[in-house]
Protein backbone atom coordinates (compact mmCIF):
# COMPACT_ATOMS: atom_id res chain seq x y z
CA MET A 1 58.40 158.01 217.25
CA ALA A 2 56.53 161.32 217.10
CA TYR A 3 55.17 162.68 213.84
CA ARG A 4 54.22 166.11 212.60
CA ILE A 5 50.54 165.67 211.74
CA THR A 6 48.15 168.04 209.99
CA ILE A 7 44.40 167.65 210.47
CA LEU A 8 42.16 169.21 207.81
CA GLY A 9 38.77 169.99 209.38
CA ILE A 10 38.01 171.16 212.93
CA GLY A 11 34.69 169.38 213.40
CA TYR A 12 33.83 166.67 215.91
CA VAL A 13 36.05 164.10 214.23
CA GLY A 14 38.94 166.36 213.28
CA LEU A 15 39.33 168.12 216.60
CA VAL A 16 38.89 165.00 218.75
CA CYS A 17 41.44 163.12 216.62
CA GLY A 18 43.79 166.09 216.63
CA VAL A 19 43.68 166.40 220.39
CA GLY A 20 44.09 162.65 220.83
CA LEU A 21 47.03 162.35 218.44
CA ALA A 22 48.70 165.31 220.17
CA ASP A 23 48.23 163.54 223.49
CA PHE A 24 50.14 160.60 222.02
CA GLY A 25 53.13 162.95 221.76
CA ASN A 26 52.81 164.08 218.14
CA GLU A 27 53.01 167.69 216.96
CA VAL A 28 49.55 168.40 215.53
CA ILE A 29 48.35 171.31 213.41
CA CYS A 30 44.56 171.57 213.02
CA ALA A 31 43.51 173.60 209.99
CA ASP A 32 40.14 174.71 208.70
CA ILE A 33 38.86 177.13 206.06
CA ASP A 34 36.30 178.31 208.64
CA GLY A 35 38.21 181.20 210.18
CA GLU A 36 35.75 181.59 213.05
CA LYS A 37 36.39 178.02 214.23
CA VAL A 38 40.13 178.52 214.01
CA GLU A 39 40.02 181.76 216.00
CA LEU A 40 37.84 180.17 218.69
CA CYS A 41 40.32 177.33 219.10
CA LYS A 42 43.24 179.75 219.20
CA ARG A 43 41.48 181.51 222.09
CA GLY A 44 41.06 178.19 223.87
CA VAL A 45 37.36 177.84 223.10
CA ILE A 46 36.13 174.50 221.77
CA PRO A 47 33.49 175.24 219.08
CA PHE A 48 31.12 172.46 220.18
CA TYR A 49 30.15 170.57 223.31
CA GLU A 50 31.91 167.24 223.87
CA PRO A 51 32.33 165.92 227.44
CA GLY A 52 35.93 165.38 228.54
CA LEU A 53 37.53 167.11 225.55
CA GLU A 54 38.45 170.35 227.31
CA GLU A 55 41.06 168.80 229.62
CA TYR A 56 42.98 167.18 226.74
CA PHE A 57 42.57 170.29 224.59
CA GLU A 58 44.00 172.63 227.23
CA ARG A 59 46.89 170.32 228.16
CA ASN A 60 48.11 169.81 224.60
CA CYS A 61 47.75 173.50 223.72
CA ARG A 62 49.68 174.41 226.87
CA GLU A 63 52.45 171.94 226.05
CA LYS A 64 52.55 173.29 222.45
CA ARG A 65 51.79 169.96 220.82
CA LEU A 66 48.52 171.31 219.40
CA ARG A 67 48.04 174.49 217.38
CA PHE A 68 45.58 175.90 214.87
CA GLU A 69 45.97 177.34 211.41
CA ARG A 70 43.64 178.95 208.88
CA ASP A 71 46.13 178.74 206.02
CA THR A 72 45.59 175.11 204.99
CA VAL A 73 48.38 175.10 202.41
CA ARG A 74 50.92 176.20 205.02
CA ALA A 75 49.59 173.61 207.47
CA ILE A 76 49.90 170.90 204.81
CA ARG A 77 53.45 171.94 203.98
CA GLU A 78 54.45 171.52 207.62
CA GLY A 79 52.92 168.07 208.11
CA SER A 80 54.32 164.71 207.04
CA VAL A 81 51.01 162.92 207.71
CA ILE A 82 47.80 164.65 206.61
CA PHE A 83 44.49 163.54 208.10
CA VAL A 84 41.45 164.61 206.06
CA ALA A 85 38.46 164.99 208.39
CA VAL A 86 36.13 167.23 206.41
CA GLY A 87 32.35 166.87 206.21
CA THR A 88 30.72 164.62 203.61
CA PRO A 89 26.98 165.39 203.90
CA SER A 90 24.51 163.50 201.74
CA LYS A 91 22.70 165.01 198.78
CA ASP A 92 18.96 164.64 198.27
CA ASP A 93 19.43 161.34 196.44
CA GLY A 94 21.72 159.89 199.13
CA GLU A 95 24.98 160.39 197.26
CA ALA A 96 27.74 161.80 199.49
CA ASP A 97 28.71 165.38 198.75
CA LEU A 98 32.50 165.18 198.41
CA SER A 99 33.09 168.82 197.49
CA PHE A 100 34.95 169.56 200.75
CA LEU A 101 37.06 166.44 200.29
CA TRP A 102 38.14 167.38 196.76
CA ARG A 103 38.94 170.90 197.93
CA ALA A 104 41.19 169.34 200.56
CA VAL A 105 42.82 167.05 197.99
CA GLU A 106 43.62 170.04 195.76
CA ALA A 107 45.12 171.87 198.74
CA ILE A 108 47.25 168.85 199.65
CA ALA A 109 48.58 168.59 196.10
CA ARG A 110 49.27 172.34 195.99
CA GLY A 111 50.90 172.48 199.42
CA SER A 112 53.15 169.42 199.16
CA ASP A 113 56.79 169.63 198.17
CA ASP A 114 57.90 166.40 199.85
CA SER A 115 56.50 162.91 200.49
CA LYS A 116 53.13 162.80 202.31
CA ILE A 117 50.95 160.15 203.85
CA VAL A 118 47.33 161.20 203.27
CA VAL A 119 44.82 159.65 205.67
CA VAL A 120 41.16 159.80 204.64
CA LYS A 121 39.33 160.01 207.97
CA SER A 122 36.09 161.33 206.47
CA THR A 123 33.32 158.86 205.71
CA VAL A 124 33.41 158.38 201.95
CA PRO A 125 31.74 156.03 199.43
CA VAL A 126 33.59 152.90 198.36
CA GLY A 127 36.21 153.72 195.73
CA THR A 128 36.88 157.28 196.94
CA SER A 129 40.30 156.68 198.52
CA ARG A 130 41.56 155.09 195.29
CA ARG A 131 40.28 158.15 193.40
CA VAL A 132 42.07 160.40 195.92
CA GLU A 133 45.31 158.52 195.30
CA THR A 134 44.95 158.90 191.53
CA ALA A 135 44.04 162.59 191.80
CA LEU A 136 47.01 163.45 194.04
CA ARG A 137 49.50 161.76 191.72
CA LYS A 138 48.00 163.52 188.72
CA LEU A 139 47.86 166.95 190.37
CA ASN A 140 51.42 166.78 191.73
CA PRO A 141 53.49 164.01 190.08
CA ARG A 142 56.73 165.32 191.65
CA VAL A 143 55.68 164.14 195.15
CA THR A 144 55.14 160.63 196.50
CA PHE A 145 51.67 160.35 198.07
CA ARG A 146 50.72 157.32 200.13
CA VAL A 147 46.97 157.17 200.79
CA VAL A 148 45.26 155.43 203.71
CA SER A 149 41.56 154.91 204.47
CA ASN A 150 41.20 155.16 208.26
CA PRO A 151 37.47 155.47 209.12
CA GLU A 152 36.41 156.81 212.50
CA PHE A 153 33.98 155.19 214.93
CA LEU A 154 33.50 158.02 217.44
CA ARG A 155 30.18 158.47 219.22
CA GLU A 156 29.22 162.07 219.91
CA GLY A 157 29.03 162.46 223.67
CA ARG A 158 31.56 159.63 224.10
CA ALA A 159 34.09 160.66 221.45
CA VAL A 160 37.05 161.21 223.81
CA TYR A 161 36.57 157.81 225.45
CA ASP A 162 36.11 156.16 222.05
CA PHE A 163 39.33 157.69 220.71
CA PHE A 164 41.42 156.38 223.58
CA HIS A 165 39.53 153.07 223.98
CA PRO A 166 38.45 152.04 220.47
CA ASP A 167 36.91 148.69 219.59
CA LYS A 168 39.17 148.55 216.53
CA ILE A 169 41.49 150.53 214.30
CA VAL A 170 40.81 150.03 210.60
CA ILE A 171 43.71 150.80 208.26
CA GLY A 172 42.97 150.48 204.57
CA THR A 173 46.05 150.61 202.36
CA GLU A 174 48.20 148.27 200.32
CA ASP A 175 51.29 150.43 200.87
CA LYS A 176 53.63 148.80 203.41
CA VAL A 177 55.34 152.07 204.35
CA ALA A 178 51.97 153.69 205.08
CA GLN A 179 50.90 150.65 207.11
CA GLU A 180 53.97 150.91 209.33
CA VAL A 181 53.56 154.66 209.84
CA MET A 182 49.91 154.19 210.83
CA ARG A 183 50.85 151.36 213.17
CA GLU A 184 53.43 153.65 214.80
CA ILE A 185 51.00 156.59 215.10
CA TYR A 186 48.45 154.37 216.84
CA ARG A 187 51.09 152.45 218.82
CA PRO A 188 49.73 153.59 222.23
CA LEU A 189 46.43 151.87 221.35
CA TYR A 190 48.20 148.76 220.08
CA LEU A 191 49.95 148.48 223.45
CA ILE A 192 46.60 148.28 225.28
CA GLY A 193 45.41 145.48 223.03
CA THR A 194 43.25 147.35 220.51
CA PRO A 195 42.67 145.11 217.46
CA PHE A 196 44.10 146.43 214.18
CA VAL A 197 42.31 145.57 210.94
CA PHE A 198 44.53 145.88 207.86
CA CYS A 199 42.78 145.75 204.49
CA ASN A 200 42.47 147.50 201.13
CA PHE A 201 40.77 150.85 200.50
CA GLU A 202 37.41 149.42 199.47
CA THR A 203 37.11 147.12 202.48
CA ALA A 204 37.95 149.89 204.95
CA GLU A 205 35.43 152.26 203.39
CA LEU A 206 32.66 149.66 203.41
CA ILE A 207 33.39 148.66 207.03
CA LYS A 208 32.37 152.15 208.13
CA TYR A 209 29.05 152.10 206.27
CA ALA A 210 28.23 148.53 207.24
CA ASN A 211 29.03 149.26 210.90
CA ASN A 212 26.72 152.28 211.08
CA ALA A 213 23.96 150.69 209.01
CA PHE A 214 23.83 147.66 211.29
CA LEU A 215 23.52 149.84 214.40
CA ALA A 216 20.84 151.95 212.69
CA MET A 217 19.01 148.75 211.76
CA LYS A 218 19.12 147.57 215.38
CA ILE A 219 17.59 150.85 216.60
CA THR A 220 14.87 150.65 213.94
CA PHE A 221 14.15 147.04 214.87
CA ILE A 222 13.54 147.81 218.55
CA ASN A 223 11.41 150.84 217.62
CA GLN A 224 9.14 148.65 215.53
CA ILE A 225 8.98 146.07 218.33
CA ALA A 226 8.07 148.92 220.72
CA ASN A 227 5.26 150.01 218.41
CA LEU A 228 3.96 146.45 218.42
CA CYS A 229 4.22 146.41 222.24
CA ASP A 230 1.98 149.48 222.29
CA ALA A 231 -0.57 147.67 220.17
CA VAL A 232 -0.63 144.39 222.15
CA GLY A 233 0.06 145.63 225.69
CA ALA A 234 3.60 144.25 226.09
CA ASP A 235 6.56 146.02 227.76
CA VAL A 236 9.42 146.72 225.36
CA HIS A 237 11.95 147.14 228.18
CA VAL A 238 11.42 143.57 229.27
CA VAL A 239 11.45 142.37 225.67
CA ALA A 240 14.70 144.24 224.96
CA LYS A 241 16.33 142.98 228.15
CA ALA A 242 15.43 139.39 227.35
CA ILE A 243 16.59 139.39 223.74
CA GLY A 244 19.73 141.32 224.72
CA MET A 245 20.69 138.39 226.95
CA ASP A 246 21.23 136.36 223.80
CA GLY A 247 24.97 136.52 223.13
CA ARG A 248 24.32 136.65 219.40
CA ILE A 249 22.33 139.88 219.83
CA GLY A 250 23.66 141.79 222.86
CA PRO A 251 21.94 144.58 224.82
CA LYS A 252 23.36 147.66 223.09
CA PHE A 253 21.23 149.83 220.78
CA LEU A 254 18.00 148.20 221.95
CA HIS A 255 16.56 151.41 223.38
CA PRO A 256 13.33 152.55 221.71
CA GLY A 257 12.55 156.17 221.02
CA PRO A 258 11.81 158.66 218.24
CA GLY A 259 14.44 157.23 215.89
CA PHE A 260 18.12 157.85 215.20
CA GLY A 261 19.58 161.18 214.10
CA GLY A 262 22.89 163.02 214.10
CA SER A 263 25.60 163.51 211.53
CA CYS A 264 26.35 159.84 210.78
CA PHE A 265 23.54 157.27 210.80
CA PRO A 266 21.04 159.16 208.61
CA LYS A 267 23.53 160.12 205.89
CA ASP A 268 25.44 156.83 206.00
CA THR A 269 22.32 154.70 205.58
CA ARG A 270 21.14 156.90 202.71
CA THR A 271 24.55 156.70 201.04
CA LEU A 272 24.63 152.91 201.43
CA VAL A 273 21.29 152.72 199.62
CA TRP A 274 22.69 155.03 196.93
CA MET A 275 25.77 152.81 196.53
CA GLY A 276 23.53 149.78 196.15
CA LYS A 277 21.68 151.49 193.29
CA LYS A 278 24.96 152.56 191.70
CA TYR A 279 26.33 149.02 191.67
CA GLY A 280 23.03 147.25 191.03
CA VAL A 281 22.93 145.56 194.46
CA ASP A 282 19.70 145.11 196.43
CA MET A 283 19.88 147.22 199.62
CA SER A 284 16.15 147.01 200.37
CA LEU A 285 16.74 146.20 204.05
CA ILE A 286 18.66 149.43 204.63
CA GLN A 287 16.18 151.33 202.46
CA GLU A 288 13.41 150.18 204.80
CA VAL A 289 15.50 151.29 207.81
CA VAL A 290 15.67 154.80 206.32
CA ALA A 291 11.91 154.89 205.68
CA ALA A 292 10.96 153.39 209.07
CA ASN A 293 13.21 155.85 210.90
CA ALA A 294 11.46 158.80 209.25
CA LYS A 295 8.06 157.30 210.08
CA GLN A 296 8.98 156.88 213.77
CA ARG A 297 8.93 160.65 214.26
CA GLN A 298 5.41 160.74 212.83
CA ILE A 299 4.34 158.00 215.23
CA ILE A 300 5.47 160.10 218.22
CA VAL A 301 3.46 163.09 217.00
CA GLU A 302 0.40 160.90 216.45
CA LYS A 303 0.72 159.61 220.03
CA LEU A 304 0.71 163.18 221.32
CA GLU A 305 -2.24 164.12 219.14
CA LYS A 306 -4.20 161.13 220.44
CA LEU A 307 -3.44 162.02 224.06
CA LEU A 308 -4.62 165.62 223.60
CA GLY A 309 -7.40 165.05 221.08
CA SER A 310 -5.97 167.79 218.88
CA LEU A 311 -2.81 169.89 218.78
CA GLU A 312 -4.55 172.97 217.37
CA GLY A 313 -4.22 175.82 219.89
CA LYS A 314 -2.34 173.69 222.45
CA THR A 315 0.94 174.65 224.11
CA ILE A 316 3.53 171.88 224.23
CA CYS A 317 6.73 171.75 226.29
CA ALA A 318 9.48 169.86 224.46
CA LEU A 319 12.41 168.78 226.61
CA GLY A 320 15.49 168.00 224.56
CA LEU A 321 16.54 169.21 221.11
CA ALA A 322 19.91 167.51 220.59
CA PHE A 323 19.74 164.27 218.61
CA LYS A 324 20.94 162.46 221.74
CA ALA A 325 22.24 163.26 225.22
CA GLU A 326 25.75 164.62 225.91
CA THR A 327 26.01 166.62 222.70
CA ASP A 328 24.83 169.99 221.39
CA ASP A 329 24.42 168.59 217.87
CA VAL A 330 20.95 169.04 216.37
CA ARG A 331 21.77 167.74 212.88
CA GLU A 332 18.89 165.51 211.71
CA SER A 333 17.65 165.43 215.30
CA PRO A 334 14.35 163.57 215.77
CA ALA A 335 13.43 166.22 218.34
CA ILE A 336 13.73 169.04 215.81
CA ASP A 337 11.59 167.15 213.28
CA ILE A 338 8.94 166.42 215.91
CA VAL A 339 8.82 170.04 217.05
CA ARG A 340 8.31 171.14 213.45
CA MET A 341 5.48 168.63 212.97
CA VAL A 342 3.77 169.82 216.14
CA LEU A 343 4.07 173.43 214.98
CA ARG A 344 2.49 172.54 211.64
CA ARG A 345 -0.50 171.15 213.53
CA GLY A 346 -1.17 174.53 215.08
CA ALA A 347 0.51 174.20 218.48
CA LEU A 348 2.76 176.65 220.32
CA VAL A 349 5.99 175.01 221.50
CA HIS A 350 8.19 175.82 224.51
CA VAL A 351 11.65 174.19 224.30
CA HIS A 352 14.50 173.40 226.66
CA ASP A 353 17.85 171.66 226.25
CA PRO A 354 20.87 171.87 228.59
CA GLN A 355 23.37 172.27 225.72
CA ALA A 356 21.71 172.59 222.31
CA LEU A 357 19.59 175.78 222.53
CA GLN A 358 22.02 177.94 220.54
CA ASN A 359 22.32 175.39 217.73
CA ALA A 360 18.55 174.87 217.77
CA LYS A 361 18.00 178.59 217.26
CA GLN A 362 19.90 178.31 213.97
CA VAL A 363 17.29 175.88 212.60
CA LEU A 364 14.09 176.74 214.48
CA GLY A 365 14.53 180.51 214.59
CA ASN A 366 11.64 182.36 216.24
CA THR A 367 9.07 179.61 215.63
CA VAL A 368 9.36 178.38 219.25
CA VAL A 369 9.90 179.88 222.70
CA TYR A 370 13.27 179.06 224.29
CA PHE A 371 13.83 178.51 228.02
CA GLU A 372 17.00 178.07 230.08
CA ASP A 373 14.99 176.55 232.95
CA MET A 374 12.98 173.43 232.17
CA TYR A 375 10.32 174.09 234.81
CA GLU A 376 9.77 177.59 233.44
CA ALA A 377 9.35 176.01 230.01
CA MET A 378 6.48 173.87 231.35
CA LYS A 379 4.38 176.79 232.61
CA SER A 380 1.00 177.14 230.87
CA CYS A 381 1.68 174.02 228.78
CA ASP A 382 -0.93 171.38 228.04
CA ALA A 383 1.57 168.56 227.65
CA LEU A 384 5.18 167.64 228.32
CA VAL A 385 7.17 165.69 225.71
CA ILE A 386 10.63 164.30 226.50
CA LEU A 387 12.62 164.01 223.26
CA THR A 388 16.26 163.64 224.38
CA GLU A 389 17.53 161.33 227.12
CA TRP A 390 19.46 163.88 229.19
CA ASN A 391 20.09 162.78 232.79
CA CYS A 392 18.46 165.95 234.12
CA TYR A 393 15.19 164.71 232.61
CA ARG A 394 15.59 161.27 234.17
CA ASN A 395 15.70 162.93 237.58
CA ILE A 396 12.91 165.41 236.95
CA ASP A 397 10.89 166.50 240.00
CA LEU A 398 7.34 165.36 239.24
CA ASP A 399 5.92 167.60 241.98
CA LYS A 400 7.46 170.62 240.27
CA VAL A 401 6.16 169.35 236.94
CA SER A 402 2.70 169.08 238.46
CA SER A 403 2.76 172.64 239.74
CA SER A 404 4.24 174.05 236.50
CA LEU A 405 2.32 172.16 233.83
CA ARG A 406 -1.21 173.28 233.03
CA GLY A 407 -2.26 169.91 231.63
CA ARG A 408 -1.64 166.38 232.90
CA VAL A 409 -0.13 164.75 229.78
CA ILE A 410 3.43 163.41 229.69
CA LEU A 411 4.67 161.75 226.51
CA ASP A 412 8.03 160.17 227.32
CA ALA A 413 9.51 159.48 223.89
CA ARG A 414 12.78 158.29 225.46
CA ASN A 415 11.34 156.14 228.28
CA VAL A 416 13.43 157.95 230.90
CA LEU A 417 10.73 158.24 233.59
CA ASP A 418 9.19 155.60 235.84
CA PRO A 419 5.66 155.12 234.44
CA GLU A 420 4.18 154.08 237.78
CA LYS A 421 5.53 157.11 239.63
CA ALA A 422 4.22 159.43 236.93
CA LYS A 423 0.78 157.82 237.08
CA GLU A 424 0.76 157.98 240.90
CA LYS A 425 1.19 161.76 240.60
CA GLY A 426 -1.93 161.89 238.47
CA PHE A 427 -0.32 162.28 235.07
CA LEU A 428 -1.66 160.75 231.88
CA TYR A 429 1.66 159.11 231.02
CA GLU A 430 2.67 157.30 227.86
CA GLY A 431 6.08 156.04 226.77
CA VAL A 432 7.23 154.09 223.74
CA GLY A 433 6.27 150.41 224.06
CA ARG A 434 5.56 150.77 227.79
CA ARG A 435 2.40 150.87 229.89
């Protein structure tokens, strides 16, 4: 059975889910208060970089299963199932800013004249979905609202694959009608054996935070092991490979670097700490993950400073500005933080990224020099720092680097190069936890 679905929010989560649900045969309306995003989508332009999304986007627009609307109330009125996929950034104290969510809730109440299933896709603190249910019934008692917590687990850069091949589908609701509708919406995934987890609101909401916090903790763990490897002369790649062979641990997220970033892990770990304080529960482990992740950026800068003696008056080439490869997202990117630290130490910085330059300009402005060609970016530079694990950096031509770079220092913060090959070319090479 096909449904008429409205998605509120045309960000990474909203648009990917909208496109995916349309591909399942549903009629999907994506709405956003950001008129510029809506107009871009209407013109067939995806407002961010996500590999593989364009094909699905174009097909479903062409077959008229996917359309875009700026008038959120009208979009809500047309949909029987409303997915809320608005941003929930964290405040300075870690509390999630739910202002966009409550604006969406008010619009849903105002735009509804018949029964609606409201699906909270945004990442929200425990207890929020129950508050949404109460608010909707209070704001519009004439309409039956059935609320579902349905957290997303999409990785930027792999979001399309993750939507169509999820590890799990979490459906938090005690309403049997809503459960059956959600089961039917996700039926194509059920048919390929995707596990469904049915639970209450609070459990679904906490699953999302616990999931992300554990992965963030795993990244922080291997970064600290890598720092110890630097101190004792061990090789973190061998350490990570060996411990990843243990079935209780697994090999994923054991890749050292400058720390985690992006729109999810930083804010979700901070919010989990905030929730612990709110409910009087010790979350010191996650609190240490947050602190250690911030410190990891400082460690990278200190490595560079040690290699060069001083950063004052030096010119540094920074390759990579996105928080990870295969995305143009620079939100809470370790690379951006490191570039800013280097600038504060008196260096000039040349930057390159295959996708994220435009977004980086919004946060770095004219404090750095931007280059479309990575070898041009290296010219007259005293050191090269690799900050994002793009494949083009893995396959970098060291002979070209040698002829472009003024100095001989390479700091590989993502461990993408072969240390021996770099050293054979005469570079003073250093990675993270590698010799």
